[in-house]
Amino acid sequence: MTVESYDQLAIFSAVAQERSFTRAAARLGMSQPALSRAIRQLEERLGVRLLARTTRSVSPTEAGEHLLRVIAPTV
């Protein structure tokens, strides 16, 4: 795995936890377009949609929930 891959996973985790691209971008100190681009690249690389987006909310898809359990298991 490349450093970029780990960065994308961290970005995905932040968006899923915050349930907001804007709040996740602020938390990570990056622009919202850069964050969106990273998520899009991760989804394209994995070949699956990880986040369900509406005009008012963001939530992990079933695949996104599975990935979250793998990268950030509950303690």
C-alpha atoms as a PDB file:
ATOM      1  CA  MET A   1       0.000   0.000   0.000  1.00  0.00           C
ATOM      2  CA  THR A   2       1.243   3.474  -0.815  1.00  0.00           C
ATOM      3  CA  VAL A   3       1.269   6.484   1.472  1.00  0.00           C
ATOM      4  CA  GLU A   4      -1.431   7.984  -0.744  1.00  0.00           C
ATOM      5  CA  SER A   5      -3.607   4.924  -0.089  1.00  0.00           C
ATOM      6  CA  TYR A   6      -3.254   5.352   3.664  1.00  0.00           C
ATOM      7  CA  ASP A   7      -4.063   9.054   3.315  1.00  0.00           C
ATOM      8  CA  GLN A   8      -7.198   8.211   1.337  1.00  0.00           C
ATOM      9  CA  LEU A   9      -8.288   5.714   3.995  1.00  0.00           C
ATOM     10  CA  ALA A  10      -7.784   8.323   6.730  1.00  0.00           C
ATOM     11  CA  ILE A  11      -9.788  10.835   4.705  1.00  0.00           C
ATOM     12  CA  PHE A  12     -12.565   8.295   4.137  1.00  0.00           C
ATOM     13  CA  SER A  13     -12.653   7.502   7.855  1.00  0.00           C
ATOM     14  CA  ALA A  14     -12.927  11.199   8.746  1.00  0.00           C
ATOM     15  CA  VAL A  15     -15.777  11.780   6.282  1.00  0.00           C
ATOM     16  CA  ALA A  16     -17.629   8.701   7.530  1.00  0.00           C
ATOM     17  CA  GLN A  17     -17.224   9.774  11.166  1.00  0.00           C
ATOM     18  CA  GLU A  18     -18.155  13.408  10.562  1.00  0.00           C
ATOM     19  CA  ARG A  19     -20.886  12.508   8.044  1.00  0.00           C
ATOM     20  CA  SER A  20     -19.881  15.690   6.240  1.00  0.00           C
ATOM     21  CA  PHE A  21     -17.289  16.533   3.616  1.00  0.00           C
ATOM     22  CA  THR A  22     -17.070  20.102   4.907  1.00  0.00           C
ATOM     23  CA  ARG A  23     -16.528  19.157   8.563  1.00  0.00           C
ATOM     24  CA  ALA A  24     -14.050  16.409   7.627  1.00  0.00           C
ATOM     25  CA  ALA A  25     -12.073  18.827   5.449  1.00  0.00           C
ATOM     26  CA  ALA A  26     -11.921  21.353   8.297  1.00  0.00           C
ATOM     27  CA  ARG A  27     -10.879  18.642  10.759  1.00  0.00           C
ATOM     28  CA  LEU A  28      -8.104  17.467   8.438  1.00  0.00           C
ATOM     29  CA  GLY A  29      -7.013  20.977   7.458  1.00  0.00           C
ATOM     30  CA  MET A  30      -7.577  20.491   3.745  1.00  0.00           C
ATOM     31  CA  SER A  31      -9.860  21.942   1.110  1.00  0.00           C
ATOM     32  CA  GLN A  32     -13.204  20.317   0.454  1.00  0.00           C
ATOM     33  CA  PRO A  33     -12.441  19.809  -3.275  1.00  0.00           C
ATOM     34  CA  ALA A  34      -9.170  18.012  -2.430  1.00  0.00           C
ATOM     35  CA  LEU A  35     -10.994  15.822   0.064  1.00  0.00           C
ATOM     36  CA  SER A  36     -13.724  15.000  -2.467  1.00  0.00           C
ATOM     37  CA  ARG A  37     -11.091  14.155  -5.075  1.00  0.00           C
ATOM     38  CA  ALA A  38      -9.344  11.762  -2.666  1.00  0.00           C
ATOM     39  CA  ILE A  39     -12.619   9.985  -1.878  1.00  0.00           C
ATOM     40  CA  ARG A  40     -13.477   9.715  -5.576  1.00  0.00           C
ATOM     41  CA  GLN A  41     -10.024   8.265  -6.340  1.00  0.00           C
ATOM     42  CA  LEU A  42     -10.356   5.724  -3.519  1.00  0.00           C
ATOM     43  CA  GLU A  43     -13.800   4.651  -4.735  1.00  0.00           C
ATOM     44  CA  GLU A  44     -12.507   4.330  -8.307  1.00  0.00           C
ATOM     45  CA  ARG A  45      -9.486   2.309  -7.192  1.00  0.00           C
ATOM     46  CA  LEU A  46     -11.644  -0.050  -5.128  1.00  0.00           C
ATOM     47  CA  GLY A  47     -14.412  -0.154  -7.739  1.00  0.00           C
ATOM     48  CA  VAL A  48     -17.176   0.425  -5.212  1.00  0.00           C
ATOM     49  CA  ARG A  49     -19.158   3.356  -3.834  1.00  0.00           C
ATOM     50  CA  LEU A  50     -18.171   3.918  -0.198  1.00  0.00           C
ATOM     51  CA  LEU A  51     -20.339   6.909   0.652  1.00  0.00           C
ATOM     52  CA  ALA A  52     -23.973   7.693  -0.115  1.00  0.00           C
ATOM     53  CA  ARG A  53     -24.235  11.410  -0.792  1.00  0.00           C
ATOM     54  CA  THR A  54     -27.325  13.594  -0.733  1.00  0.00           C
ATOM     55  CA  THR A  55     -27.576  17.368  -0.721  1.00  0.00           C
ATOM     56  CA  ARG A  56     -27.921  17.293   3.061  1.00  0.00           C
ATOM     57  CA  SER A  57     -26.004  14.270   4.294  1.00  0.00           C
ATOM     58  CA  VAL A  58     -23.249  11.760   3.748  1.00  0.00           C
ATOM     59  CA  SER A  59     -23.345   8.233   5.093  1.00  0.00           C
ATOM     60  CA  PRO A  60     -21.315   5.093   4.498  1.00  0.00           C
ATOM     61  CA  THR A  61     -22.755   2.526   2.119  1.00  0.00           C
ATOM     62  CA  GLU A  62     -22.738  -1.144   3.091  1.00  0.00           C
ATOM     63  CA  ALA A  63     -19.292  -1.438   1.474  1.00  0.00           C
ATOM     64  CA  GLY A  64     -18.201   1.702   3.321  1.00  0.00           C
ATOM     65  CA  GLU A  65     -19.363   0.282   6.647  1.00  0.00           C
ATOM     66  CA  HIS A  66     -17.414  -2.905   5.943  1.00  0.00           C
ATOM     67  CA  LEU A  67     -14.265  -0.934   5.105  1.00  0.00           C
ATOM     68  CA  LEU A  68     -14.645   1.114   8.296  1.00  0.00           C
ATOM     69  CA  ARG A  69     -14.798  -2.079  10.368  1.00  0.00           C
ATOM     70  CA  VAL A  70     -11.614  -3.295   8.689  1.00  0.00           C
ATOM     71  CA  ILE A  71      -9.583  -0.078   9.018  1.00  0.00           C
ATOM     72  CA  ALA A  72     -10.924   1.092  12.383  1.00  0.00           C
ATOM     73  CA  PRO A  73     -12.191  -1.891  14.371  1.00  0.00           C
ATOM     74  CA  THR A  74     -14.012  -1.133  17.594  1.00  0.00           C
ATOM     75  CA  VAL A  75     -12.005  -1.637  20.732  1.00  0.00           C
END
